[in-house]
Amino acid sequence: MPHVVSPPFTFSRGPLPCKVMFVSDCFGETEHKQRRLMTGSSGHELARMLIETGILSTPLPKKHEINKLGEIVEQKLSPEELDLWWNKQQIFFTSVLPFHPPGNKAINLCGDKKEVGGKFYTRPALELGKYLYPEYLPELDRLAEEIKSVKPNLVIALGNMACWALLNRTSITSIRGTTTECLLVPGVKVLPTFHPSMVLRQWSNRPIMLADLLKAKREMEFPEIRRPEREILVNPSLDDIDHYIKHCEATWDNRSSDDDLIMAIDIETKGKQITMISFSIDKQFALVIPFYDESLPGGNYWEHAFQEVKAFKYVNILLSLPFPKLFQNGMYDLQYLFRYGFRPVNCLHDTMLLHHAILPEMQKGLGFLGSIYTNEASWKLLRRVRAKELSNKAGE
């Protein structure tokens, strides 16, 4: 399929500069006919969601007709009418590829690693084992030039291909919902979310995308990535743990009637063994008590057996403190703690169960909850750092 790189702004829309920029994947069938983005069903649904979340305040014009039963029903805008409406909005649209792929599937523009150049091909796969043909890669340069010209506070990546272009990652369901730095244009903030066509195919994704767009409304007001400041002690000594226990005891003893104290607890396991237990009584600091470290000889964090025994005794003290305890999927954690002989007291809260009770139709894993309720980095993106790399950094 012959391809000529599109000059910047020949098909994109929106003011320059602009606080928020949307990057889509390719043209849909309607967009291909109009040579204008977001003029089909996906554009209509995205417009509805942007209005619902308050990113846009201009309502869509109403169109009605009488059906065969004599009922008055609302009709979608025509592509031309939707195009005129988008032209008045203060948002910028572009896409990775400015055409409609064969069969409406980007995979038809891909080949295996050997076809695209083997080891000389530096881009990641767009889908499993499938890589975008090199003749389309210059479109990434055009996209980068547009981002630099738009100067957005926030780029919203709609779907897998946009994430592939901006973040070198796909798996949109895993990385959506959290801001991260653009790799195509470093220094630019990106928020991945679903493409509206995915919402139309799977309606249960709509409330999730609405939550992402509510976050986008906040994030588009400033260009930098803002993370909560936290300190996590991951390699404590026995003295550090003892000091933390005394701090927790003093905090509880000196509490006032207005204090809403909670102790958050989380464990990590490997091979039916607890590898670490974490504690926190405030938002700024957490203590991790490790027992297993694969970067150390033998995998033992504690050099001597008596130190490990002492660490377990400290864990028992912390679990026995009267703080109301908070878990994420606590039934999993508690079965391990009970197996080790611990009997934590005052186990009252579970974020997974609370979230599931409020929004039973949504996912309830920790990564998903983090993407909805926090401004932390994406767990999936953080996991690119291997344990060996962490060990090397610790030794520097």
Protein backbone atom coordinates (compact mmCIF):
# COMPACT_ATOMS: atom_id res chain seq x y z
CA MET A 1 0.00 0.00 0.00
CA PRO A 2 1.79 3.18 -1.16
CA HIS A 3 1.97 5.90 1.43
CA VAL A 4 2.93 9.56 1.43
CA VAL A 5 3.47 11.24 4.79
CA SER A 6 0.71 13.73 5.52
CA PRO A 7 1.82 17.31 6.15
CA PRO A 8 0.92 18.53 9.64
CA PHE A 9 -2.60 19.88 10.19
CA THR A 10 -4.01 18.77 6.82
CA PHE A 11 -6.72 16.69 8.51
CA SER A 12 -6.45 17.56 12.22
CA ARG A 13 -8.74 20.10 13.86
CA GLY A 14 -8.64 22.55 16.74
CA PRO A 15 -7.10 25.85 17.88
CA LEU A 16 -3.38 26.50 18.32
CA PRO A 17 -2.26 26.40 21.07
CA CYS A 18 -4.74 24.21 22.95
CA LYS A 19 -4.87 22.91 26.54
CA VAL A 20 -6.04 19.43 25.60
CA MET A 21 -5.19 17.32 22.56
CA PHE A 22 -6.82 14.03 21.55
CA VAL A 23 -4.84 11.49 19.54
CA SER A 24 -6.89 8.80 17.80
CA ASP A 25 -5.70 5.80 15.78
CA CYS A 26 -6.86 5.85 12.13
CA PHE A 27 -9.78 7.16 10.14
CA GLY A 28 -13.07 5.32 10.39
CA GLU A 29 -15.24 4.83 7.33
CA THR A 30 -17.18 8.06 7.84
CA GLU A 31 -14.03 10.02 8.66
CA HIS A 32 -12.40 8.67 5.50
CA LYS A 33 -15.28 10.00 3.40
CA GLN A 34 -15.31 13.37 5.17
CA ARG A 35 -11.53 13.66 5.59
CA ARG A 36 -12.41 15.01 9.05
CA LEU A 37 -11.87 13.39 12.43
CA MET A 38 -14.61 12.35 14.86
CA THR A 39 -17.52 12.84 12.46
CA GLY A 40 -18.91 9.31 12.74
CA SER A 41 -20.56 7.32 15.53
CA SER A 42 -17.38 7.36 17.64
CA GLY A 43 -17.20 11.14 17.41
CA HIS A 44 -20.84 11.49 18.41
CA GLU A 45 -20.36 9.28 21.48
CA LEU A 46 -17.14 11.07 22.46
CA ALA A 47 -18.97 14.40 22.23
CA ARG A 48 -21.66 13.10 24.59
CA MET A 49 -19.05 11.95 27.11
CA LEU A 50 -17.12 15.22 26.96
CA ILE A 51 -20.32 17.12 27.68
CA GLU A 52 -21.26 14.76 30.54
CA THR A 53 -17.86 15.22 32.20
CA GLY A 54 -17.87 19.01 31.77
CA ILE A 55 -14.85 19.19 29.46
CA LEU A 56 -17.17 20.75 26.90
CA SER A 57 -20.10 22.96 27.82
CA THR A 58 -21.76 23.44 24.41
CA PRO A 59 -24.64 20.94 24.04
CA LEU A 60 -25.11 18.98 20.86
CA PRO A 61 -27.91 20.37 18.66
CA LYS A 62 -31.16 18.41 18.97
CA LYS A 63 -32.60 16.59 15.97
CA HIS A 64 -35.92 14.75 16.07
CA GLU A 65 -38.06 12.78 13.67
CA ILE A 66 -41.28 10.79 13.83
CA ASN A 67 -40.81 7.03 13.51
CA LYS A 68 -43.23 4.50 12.00
CA LEU A 69 -45.13 4.27 15.28
CA GLY A 70 -45.72 7.99 15.32
CA GLU A 71 -43.26 8.52 18.17
CA ILE A 72 -40.88 11.47 18.32
CA VAL A 73 -37.33 10.11 18.57
CA GLU A 74 -34.00 11.87 18.76
CA GLN A 75 -31.65 11.45 15.80
CA LYS A 76 -27.88 11.67 15.60
CA LEU A 77 -26.34 14.59 13.83
CA SER A 78 -25.15 14.05 10.28
CA PRO A 79 -21.36 13.94 9.77
CA GLU A 80 -21.51 17.46 8.31
CA GLU A 81 -23.49 18.80 11.28
CA LEU A 82 -21.17 17.11 13.76
CA ASP A 83 -18.18 18.52 11.90
CA LEU A 84 -19.55 22.07 12.25
CA TRP A 85 -20.13 21.50 15.99
CA TRP A 86 -16.58 20.21 16.56
CA ASN A 87 -15.17 23.25 14.77
CA LYS A 88 -16.50 25.48 17.57
CA GLN A 89 -14.96 23.48 20.44
CA GLN A 90 -11.71 24.34 22.22
CA ILE A 91 -10.06 20.96 21.83
CA PHE A 92 -7.57 19.61 19.31
CA PHE A 93 -7.89 16.33 17.40
CA THR A 94 -5.37 14.38 15.39
CA SER A 95 -4.62 10.73 14.67
CA VAL A 96 -1.62 8.47 14.27
CA LEU A 97 -2.50 7.49 10.69
CA PRO A 98 -4.59 9.79 8.49
CA PHE A 99 -6.44 7.18 6.46
CA HIS A 100 -8.81 4.23 6.74
CA PRO A 101 -6.89 0.92 7.01
CA PRO A 102 -7.97 -2.03 4.84
CA GLY A 103 -10.72 -4.02 6.49
CA ASN A 104 -10.98 -1.29 9.15
CA LYS A 105 -8.13 -3.02 11.03
CA ALA A 106 -4.67 -1.57 11.71
CA ILE A 107 -3.28 -5.12 11.85
CA ASN A 108 -3.60 -5.15 8.04
CA LEU A 109 -0.84 -2.52 7.95
CA CYS A 110 1.55 -4.78 9.87
CA GLY A 111 3.96 -7.62 9.20
CA ASP A 112 6.12 -9.94 11.25
CA LYS A 113 9.52 -8.84 12.56
CA LYS A 114 11.40 -10.20 9.55
CA GLU A 115 9.13 -8.41 7.07
CA VAL A 116 9.63 -5.02 8.73
CA GLY A 117 13.41 -5.17 8.99
CA GLY A 118 14.31 -7.58 11.76
CA LYS A 119 16.73 -6.33 14.41
CA PHE A 120 16.99 -2.94 12.68
CA TYR A 121 13.32 -2.24 13.47
CA THR A 122 13.17 -0.35 16.77
CA ARG A 123 9.45 0.16 17.38
CA PRO A 124 7.49 -2.29 19.60
CA ALA A 125 4.80 -4.56 18.19
CA LEU A 126 1.43 -2.95 17.56
CA GLU A 127 -0.22 -6.31 18.23
CA LEU A 128 1.27 -9.61 19.28
CA GLY A 129 4.02 -10.42 16.77
CA LYS A 130 2.79 -7.76 14.34
CA TYR A 131 4.75 -4.58 13.57
CA LEU A 132 3.67 -1.50 11.61
CA TYR A 133 5.34 -1.42 8.19
CA PRO A 134 8.27 1.08 8.06
CA GLU A 135 6.64 3.21 5.35
CA TYR A 136 4.07 4.39 7.91
CA LEU A 137 6.54 5.27 10.65
CA PRO A 138 7.25 8.82 9.36
CA GLU A 139 3.71 9.66 10.45
CA LEU A 140 5.09 9.58 13.99
CA ASP A 141 7.39 12.49 13.09
CA ARG A 142 4.38 14.38 11.79
CA LEU A 143 2.48 13.60 15.00
CA ALA A 144 5.41 14.79 17.13
CA GLU A 145 5.54 18.05 15.17
CA GLU A 146 1.82 18.60 15.78
CA ILE A 147 2.16 17.99 19.52
CA LYS A 148 4.99 20.53 19.71
CA SER A 149 2.89 23.08 17.81
CA VAL A 150 -0.27 22.53 19.87
CA LYS A 151 1.64 22.81 23.20
CA PRO A 152 -1.07 20.94 25.14
CA ASN A 153 -1.19 20.62 28.91
CA LEU A 154 -2.53 17.13 28.34
CA VAL A 155 -2.60 14.64 25.46
CA ILE A 156 -5.39 12.06 25.68
CA ALA A 157 -4.41 8.84 23.90
CA LEU A 158 -7.52 7.14 22.55
CA GLY A 159 -6.90 3.42 22.27
CA ASN A 160 -4.04 1.03 21.63
CA MET A 161 -2.47 2.60 18.56
CA ALA A 162 -2.30 6.05 20.16
CA CYS A 163 -0.63 4.51 23.24
CA TRP A 164 1.75 2.61 20.97
CA ALA A 165 2.73 5.85 19.24
CA LEU A 166 3.03 8.03 22.37
CA LEU A 167 4.11 5.57 25.08
CA ASN A 168 5.57 2.56 23.21
CA ARG A 169 2.93 0.45 24.94
CA THR A 170 -0.39 -1.16 24.12
CA SER A 171 -2.75 -3.17 26.39
CA ILE A 172 -5.02 -0.18 26.93
CA THR A 173 -7.11 -1.92 29.60
CA SER A 174 -4.00 -2.22 31.78
CA ILE A 175 -2.48 1.25 31.41
CA ARG A 176 -5.54 3.49 30.98
CA GLY A 177 -6.50 6.07 33.56
CA THR A 178 -3.14 7.32 34.82
CA THR A 179 -0.99 10.17 33.57
CA THR A 180 2.51 9.43 32.36
CA GLU A 181 5.22 11.14 30.32
CA CYS A 182 5.10 10.95 26.54
CA LEU A 183 8.02 9.09 24.96
CA LEU A 184 7.41 10.50 21.48
CA VAL A 185 7.70 14.09 22.76
CA PRO A 186 9.37 13.98 26.19
CA GLY A 187 8.00 16.38 28.76
CA VAL A 188 4.42 16.14 27.51
CA LYS A 189 1.77 14.61 29.80
CA VAL A 190 -0.33 11.75 28.42
CA LEU A 191 -3.51 10.16 29.77
CA PRO A 192 -4.43 6.88 28.03
CA THR A 193 -8.07 5.83 27.78
CA PHE A 194 -10.34 3.79 25.54
CA HIS A 195 -11.19 4.77 22.01
CA PRO A 196 -14.91 5.65 21.87
CA SER A 197 -15.40 2.90 19.28
CA MET A 198 -14.46 0.41 22.01
CA VAL A 199 -17.17 1.92 24.20
CA LEU A 200 -19.69 1.42 21.40
CA ARG A 201 -18.61 -2.22 21.06
CA GLN A 202 -18.57 -2.86 24.81
CA TRP A 203 -20.91 -0.51 26.68
CA SER A 204 -19.58 -1.56 30.11
CA ASN A 205 -16.42 0.42 29.29
CA ARG A 206 -18.39 3.68 29.19
CA PRO A 207 -18.39 4.48 32.96
CA ILE A 208 -14.67 3.69 33.04
CA MET A 209 -13.96 6.10 30.19
CA LEU A 210 -16.14 8.71 31.90
CA ALA A 211 -13.98 8.34 35.02
CA ASP A 212 -10.86 8.82 32.88
CA LEU A 213 -12.31 11.94 31.27
CA LEU A 214 -13.20 13.38 34.68
CA LYS A 215 -9.54 12.96 35.58
CA ALA A 216 -8.60 14.54 32.24
CA LYS A 217 -10.70 17.59 33.09
CA ARG A 218 -8.50 18.17 36.15
CA GLU A 219 -5.23 17.30 34.44
CA MET A 220 -5.74 19.58 31.42
CA GLU A 221 -5.46 22.65 33.64
CA PHE A 222 -1.70 22.23 34.20
CA PRO A 223 1.14 20.73 32.10
CA GLU A 224 3.22 18.93 34.73
CA ILE A 225 2.67 15.46 36.18
CA ARG A 226 1.70 15.81 39.83
CA ARG A 227 2.18 12.84 42.10
CA PRO A 228 1.52 12.63 45.84
CA GLU A 229 4.71 12.82 47.87
CA ARG A 230 5.30 9.59 49.75
CA GLU A 231 8.18 7.98 51.57
CA ILE A 232 8.37 4.19 51.61
CA LEU A 233 11.11 2.48 53.60
CA VAL A 234 11.73 -0.81 51.80
CA ASN A 235 15.01 -1.93 53.38
CA PRO A 236 14.58 -1.34 57.12
CA SER A 237 16.82 -2.45 59.94
CA LEU A 238 15.41 -3.97 63.11
CA ASP A 239 15.96 -0.61 64.82
CA ASP A 240 13.89 1.08 62.07
CA ILE A 241 11.00 -1.31 62.71
CA ASP A 242 11.24 -0.83 66.47
CA HIS A 243 11.18 2.94 66.01
CA TYR A 244 8.10 2.65 63.74
CA ILE A 245 6.25 0.54 66.32
CA LYS A 246 6.89 3.19 68.98
CA HIS A 247 5.67 5.87 66.56
CA CYS A 248 2.44 3.92 65.93
CA GLU A 249 1.87 3.35 69.65
CA ALA A 250 2.42 7.05 70.42
CA THR A 251 0.09 8.07 67.59
CA TRP A 252 -2.68 5.87 68.96
CA ASP A 253 -2.15 6.93 72.59
CA ASN A 254 -2.19 10.64 71.68
CA ARG A 255 -5.16 10.50 69.31
CA SER A 256 -8.00 12.98 69.66
CA SER A 257 -11.69 12.39 69.16
CA ASP A 258 -11.43 13.96 65.70
CA ASP A 259 -8.71 11.60 64.47
CA ASP A 260 -9.82 8.94 62.03
CA LEU A 261 -6.89 6.59 62.38
CA ILE A 262 -6.49 3.52 60.16
CA MET A 263 -3.61 1.10 59.67
CA ALA A 264 -3.30 -0.07 56.06
CA ILE A 265 -1.72 -3.51 55.62
CA ASP A 266 -0.64 -5.36 52.49
CA ILE A 267 1.36 -8.53 51.91
CA GLU A 268 3.23 -9.92 48.92
CA THR A 269 3.65 -13.64 48.38
CA LYS A 270 5.66 -16.03 46.23
CA GLY A 271 5.37 -19.79 46.23
CA LYS A 272 2.91 -19.81 49.15
CA GLN A 273 5.41 -17.82 51.20
CA ILE A 274 5.06 -14.27 52.53
CA THR A 275 7.85 -12.23 50.96
CA MET A 276 7.04 -8.90 52.61
CA ILE A 277 4.45 -7.16 54.78
CA SER A 278 3.73 -3.43 54.54
CA PHE A 279 2.21 -1.06 57.10
CA SER A 280 1.05 2.54 56.98
CA ILE A 281 -0.93 4.76 59.34
CA ASP A 282 -0.76 7.92 57.21
CA LYS A 283 -0.67 8.94 53.56
CA GLN A 284 2.94 10.12 53.54
CA PHE A 285 4.89 7.17 54.93
CA ALA A 286 4.84 3.36 54.73
CA LEU A 287 7.12 0.72 56.17
CA VAL A 288 7.87 -2.50 54.28
CA ILE A 289 9.16 -5.43 56.33
CA PRO A 290 10.79 -7.81 53.81
CA PHE A 291 11.63 -11.48 54.28
CA TYR A 292 12.61 -12.47 50.76
CA ASP A 293 14.92 -10.64 48.35
CA GLU A 294 15.90 -12.44 45.16
CA SER A 295 18.82 -10.06 44.62
CA LEU A 296 20.55 -11.38 47.77
CA PRO A 297 22.38 -14.73 48.13
CA GLY A 298 19.91 -17.41 49.17
CA GLY A 299 17.02 -14.99 48.75
CA ASN A 300 16.89 -14.11 52.47
CA TYR A 301 16.58 -10.44 53.35
CA TRP A 302 17.72 -10.99 56.95
CA GLU A 303 21.31 -12.18 57.26
CA HIS A 304 20.75 -14.23 60.43
CA ALA A 305 17.86 -16.40 61.59
CA PHE A 306 17.49 -14.54 64.88
CA GLN A 307 16.97 -11.30 62.94
CA GLU A 308 14.18 -12.87 60.91
CA VAL A 309 12.53 -14.22 64.06
CA LYS A 310 12.72 -10.76 65.61
CA ALA A 311 11.20 -9.20 62.47
CA PHE A 312 8.26 -11.64 62.65
CA LYS A 313 7.74 -10.71 66.31
CA TYR A 314 7.64 -7.04 65.30
CA VAL A 315 5.05 -7.88 62.65
CA ASN A 316 2.92 -9.56 65.32
CA ILE A 317 3.13 -6.44 67.51
CA LEU A 318 1.99 -4.21 64.64
CA LEU A 319 -0.91 -6.52 63.75
CA SER A 320 -1.97 -6.53 67.42
CA LEU A 321 -2.19 -2.75 67.73
CA PRO A 322 -5.79 -1.49 68.15
CA PHE A 323 -5.86 0.54 64.91
CA PRO A 324 -8.77 -0.36 62.61
CA LYS A 325 -7.10 -2.41 59.87
CA LEU A 326 -7.50 -1.70 56.14
CA PHE A 327 -6.78 -4.31 53.43
CA GLN A 328 -7.14 -4.63 49.67
CA ASN A 329 -8.59 -8.10 49.06
CA GLY A 330 -8.04 -8.85 52.74
CA MET A 331 -9.36 -12.41 52.56
CA TYR A 332 -6.27 -13.31 50.55
CA ASP A 333 -3.88 -11.57 52.96
CA LEU A 334 -5.57 -12.90 56.09
CA GLN A 335 -5.33 -16.54 55.03
CA TYR A 336 -1.54 -16.17 54.80
CA LEU A 337 -1.29 -14.26 58.07
CA PHE A 338 -3.36 -16.89 59.87
CA ARG A 339 -1.21 -19.65 58.38
CA TYR A 340 1.85 -17.96 59.88
CA GLY A 341 0.17 -17.84 63.27
CA PHE A 342 -0.71 -14.14 63.27
CA ARG A 343 -4.06 -12.98 64.64
CA PRO A 344 -4.54 -9.36 63.54
CA VAL A 345 -7.13 -7.44 65.55
CA ASN A 346 -9.83 -4.97 64.46
CA CYS A 347 -9.90 -5.95 60.76
CA LEU A 348 -12.65 -3.58 59.61
CA HIS A 349 -12.01 -2.26 56.11
CA ASP A 350 -11.37 -3.65 52.62
CA THR A 351 -11.02 -1.27 49.66
CA MET A 352 -11.85 -3.98 47.13
CA LEU A 353 -15.09 -4.95 48.87
CA LEU A 354 -16.13 -1.33 49.42
CA HIS A 355 -15.51 -0.43 45.78
CA HIS A 356 -17.33 -3.58 44.63
CA ALA A 357 -20.32 -2.73 46.84
CA ILE A 358 -20.55 0.78 45.37
CA LEU A 359 -19.75 -0.09 41.73
CA PRO A 360 -20.35 -3.83 41.30
CA GLU A 361 -20.15 -3.66 37.51
CA MET A 362 -16.54 -2.43 37.53
CA GLN A 363 -13.25 -4.28 37.93
CA LYS A 364 -11.93 -4.48 41.48
CA GLY A 365 -8.19 -5.17 41.19
CA LEU A 366 -5.68 -2.85 42.85
CA GLY A 367 -4.36 -1.47 39.56
CA PHE A 368 -7.87 -0.56 38.44
CA LEU A 369 -8.73 1.08 41.76
CA GLY A 370 -5.50 3.06 41.56
CA SER A 371 -6.40 4.31 38.08
CA ILE A 372 -9.84 5.48 39.26
CA TYR A 373 -9.22 6.88 42.73
CA THR A 374 -5.58 8.03 42.75
CA ASN A 375 -3.05 9.97 40.73
CA GLU A 376 -0.34 7.35 41.14
CA ALA A 377 1.69 6.05 38.21
CA SER A 378 0.41 3.04 36.28
CA TRP A 379 1.40 -0.25 37.91
CA LYS A 380 1.91 -1.83 34.48
CA LEU A 381 4.27 0.91 33.33
CA LEU A 382 6.27 0.72 36.56
CA ARG A 383 6.76 -3.02 36.13
CA ARG A 384 9.04 -2.44 33.16
CA VAL A 385 11.80 -1.93 35.73
CA ARG A 386 13.13 -5.40 36.48
CA ALA A 387 14.30 -6.63 39.85
CA LYS A 388 17.87 -6.80 38.52
CA GLU A 389 17.73 -3.13 37.60
CA LEU A 390 16.47 -2.25 41.06
CA SER A 391 19.29 -4.28 42.58
CA ASN A 392 21.86 -2.47 40.45
CA LYS A 393 20.44 0.91 41.45
CA ALA A 394 20.52 -0.05 45.12
CA GLY A 395 24.22 -0.85 44.80
CA GLU A 396 25.13 2.45 43.17
